[in-house]
Amino acid sequence: QVQLVESGGGLVQPGGSLRLACATSGFTLDYYAIGWFRQAPGKEREGVACISRRDSNTYYTDDMKGRFTISRDNAKNTAFLQMNSLRPEDTAVYYCAADFTVSNLCVLQAGVYDLWGQGTQVTVSS
């Protein structure tokens, strides 16, 4: 059964950190780029960061640069999103997604991603 399961969300104070994990199963992660997206209440889903198949290429939305770090461990079929210096506006449901691709690039366009997790809630509040 193909699955992506996010974990690591929760409540954190402004300026704090969280590390999200995306555990995958039922497919070979090596053939997929991984993207993290988020959706806040009343807003459209937006891209956060993505990482290519062999993790040599990453891309971040401008607002996340320097604060978030995406990584992956293909041997453990898991991807990660380290989030530092969190702000209240980072509050959202965070989703990981997998894009089957032959290239070693990634794009932050939700429409190209084939597989999606159910999301994990991140709340930044004092």
Foldseek 3Di string as FASTA:
>chain_A
DWAWAKDFADEAAAQAKTKIKIATDDDQLLQWKKWKWWDDPPGDIFTAKIAFSVRPDIDGDPVQPPFWDKDADRVRRMIMIIGGRDDQVVWTWMKMFIARDPDRYDDGDVVRTDGIHPTDTHGYHD
